[in-house]
Structure formats: structure tokens, C-alpha cells
Amino acid sequence: MPDIKSATPADRDAVLAGTMYLRLARKLLVEAGLPRAAAAVRKSPDGAVRHIDQRLRRSPS
């Protein structure tokens, strides 16, 4: 299994803030009538949260 870079709770906070802004951007793009742009932003901000959670679980305490 490949090495995974250690993560900190601050890293997770940064990812959560980023996903919040992506969700807001998605909502605003839909409201503006830009479904293709919204679809591009829809590409898994939740995956980023899952990724950072995995890094935190595998990081040394």
C-alpha cells in the first residue's frame, strides 16, 4: 500500500471549509442558470473529505 502523507485536524478543517465554498458555488451556478458549470463543480467535494479522513486515521498520533 502506498505511503499516505500525514494529516492534521487543521488540514481537515481546511478541506471542510473548501467543500462548503464548493457547495455554495454549485448552488449559485444553478441559480444563475449555468447547469454545465454547476456539473463541473459537482465533481465530488465529499470525496476530498473522505480522503482527508483516511489520512487522519492513518496518521501517527
C-alpha atoms as a PDB file:
ATOM      1  CA  MET A   1       0.000   0.000   0.000  1.00  0.00           C
ATOM      2  CA  PRO A   2       1.444   3.429  -0.851  1.00  0.00           C
ATOM      3  CA  ASP A   3       2.548   5.811   1.852  1.00  0.00           C
ATOM      4  CA  ILE A   4      -0.059   8.397   2.777  1.00  0.00           C
ATOM      5  CA  LYS A   5       1.040  11.858   3.858  1.00  0.00           C
ATOM      6  CA  SER A   6       0.198  12.606   7.493  1.00  0.00           C
ATOM      7  CA  ALA A   7      -2.710  14.930   8.123  1.00  0.00           C
ATOM      8  CA  THR A   8      -3.676  17.178  10.997  1.00  0.00           C
ATOM      9  CA  PRO A   9      -7.052  18.351  12.264  1.00  0.00           C
ATOM     10  CA  ALA A  10      -6.213  21.741  10.712  1.00  0.00           C
ATOM     11  CA  ASP A  11      -5.933  20.020   7.317  1.00  0.00           C
ATOM     12  CA  ARG A  12      -9.419  18.575   7.796  1.00  0.00           C
ATOM     13  CA  ASP A  13     -10.787  21.992   8.775  1.00  0.00           C
ATOM     14  CA  ALA A  14      -9.325  23.466   5.585  1.00  0.00           C
ATOM     15  CA  VAL A  15     -10.902  20.732   3.452  1.00  0.00           C
ATOM     16  CA  LEU A  16     -14.281  21.196   5.143  1.00  0.00           C
ATOM     17  CA  ALA A  17     -14.133  24.957   4.522  1.00  0.00           C
ATOM     18  CA  GLY A  18     -13.233  24.357   0.885  1.00  0.00           C
ATOM     19  CA  THR A  19     -16.115  21.930   0.378  1.00  0.00           C
ATOM     20  CA  MET A  20     -18.514  24.428   1.954  1.00  0.00           C
ATOM     21  CA  TYR A  21     -17.450  27.031  -0.613  1.00  0.00           C
ATOM     22  CA  LEU A  22     -17.738  24.497  -3.451  1.00  0.00           C
ATOM     23  CA  ARG A  23     -21.302  23.673  -2.412  1.00  0.00           C
ATOM     24  CA  LEU A  24     -22.148  27.371  -2.297  1.00  0.00           C
ATOM     25  CA  ALA A  25     -20.599  27.874  -5.740  1.00  0.00           C
ATOM     26  CA  ARG A  26     -22.615  24.950  -7.090  1.00  0.00           C
ATOM     27  CA  LYS A  27     -25.841  26.429  -5.697  1.00  0.00           C
ATOM     28  CA  LEU A  28     -25.113  29.862  -7.149  1.00  0.00           C
ATOM     29  CA  LEU A  29     -24.252  28.427 -10.568  1.00  0.00           C
ATOM     30  CA  VAL A  30     -27.538  26.514 -10.673  1.00  0.00           C
ATOM     31  CA  GLU A  31     -29.448  29.645  -9.635  1.00  0.00           C
ATOM     32  CA  ALA A  32     -27.666  31.588 -12.383  1.00  0.00           C
ATOM     33  CA  GLY A  33     -28.858  29.042 -14.934  1.00  0.00           C
ATOM     34  CA  LEU A  34     -25.448  27.520 -15.641  1.00  0.00           C
ATOM     35  CA  PRO A  35     -26.028  23.778 -15.260  1.00  0.00           C
ATOM     36  CA  ARG A  36     -22.880  22.701 -17.132  1.00  0.00           C
ATOM     37  CA  ALA A  37     -20.672  24.838 -14.896  1.00  0.00           C
ATOM     38  CA  ALA A  38     -22.505  23.504 -11.834  1.00  0.00           C
ATOM     39  CA  ALA A  39     -21.923  19.943 -13.060  1.00  0.00           C
ATOM     40  CA  ALA A  40     -18.192  20.645 -13.318  1.00  0.00           C
ATOM     41  CA  VAL A  41     -18.125  21.864  -9.701  1.00  0.00           C
ATOM     42  CA  ARG A  42     -20.192  18.866  -8.611  1.00  0.00           C
ATOM     43  CA  LYS A  43     -17.183  16.553  -9.055  1.00  0.00           C
ATOM     44  CA  SER A  44     -17.045  15.184  -5.512  1.00  0.00           C
ATOM     45  CA  PRO A  45     -16.135  17.691  -2.835  1.00  0.00           C
ATOM     46  CA  ASP A  46     -17.294  14.919  -0.488  1.00  0.00           C
ATOM     47  CA  GLY A  47     -14.511  12.722  -1.849  1.00  0.00           C
ATOM     48  CA  ALA A  48     -12.000  15.260  -0.557  1.00  0.00           C
ATOM     49  CA  VAL A  49     -13.480  14.950   2.935  1.00  0.00           C
ATOM     50  CA  ARG A  50     -13.295  11.137   2.770  1.00  0.00           C
ATOM     51  CA  HIS A  51      -9.680  11.394   1.615  1.00  0.00           C
ATOM     52  CA  ILE A  52      -8.592  13.684   4.466  1.00  0.00           C
ATOM     53  CA  ASP A  53     -10.443  11.488   6.991  1.00  0.00           C
ATOM     54  CA  GLN A  54      -8.487   8.473   5.727  1.00  0.00           C
ATOM     55  CA  ARG A  55      -5.233  10.419   6.033  1.00  0.00           C
ATOM     56  CA  LEU A  56      -6.123  11.375   9.615  1.00  0.00           C
ATOM     57  CA  ARG A  57      -6.939   7.766  10.551  1.00  0.00           C
ATOM     58  CA  ARG A  58      -3.623   6.546   9.142  1.00  0.00           C
ATOM     59  CA  SER A  59      -1.514   9.365  10.623  1.00  0.00           C
ATOM     60  CA  PRO A  60       0.566   8.669  13.703  1.00  0.00           C
ATOM     61  CA  SER A  61      -0.970  10.185  16.821  1.00  0.00           C
END
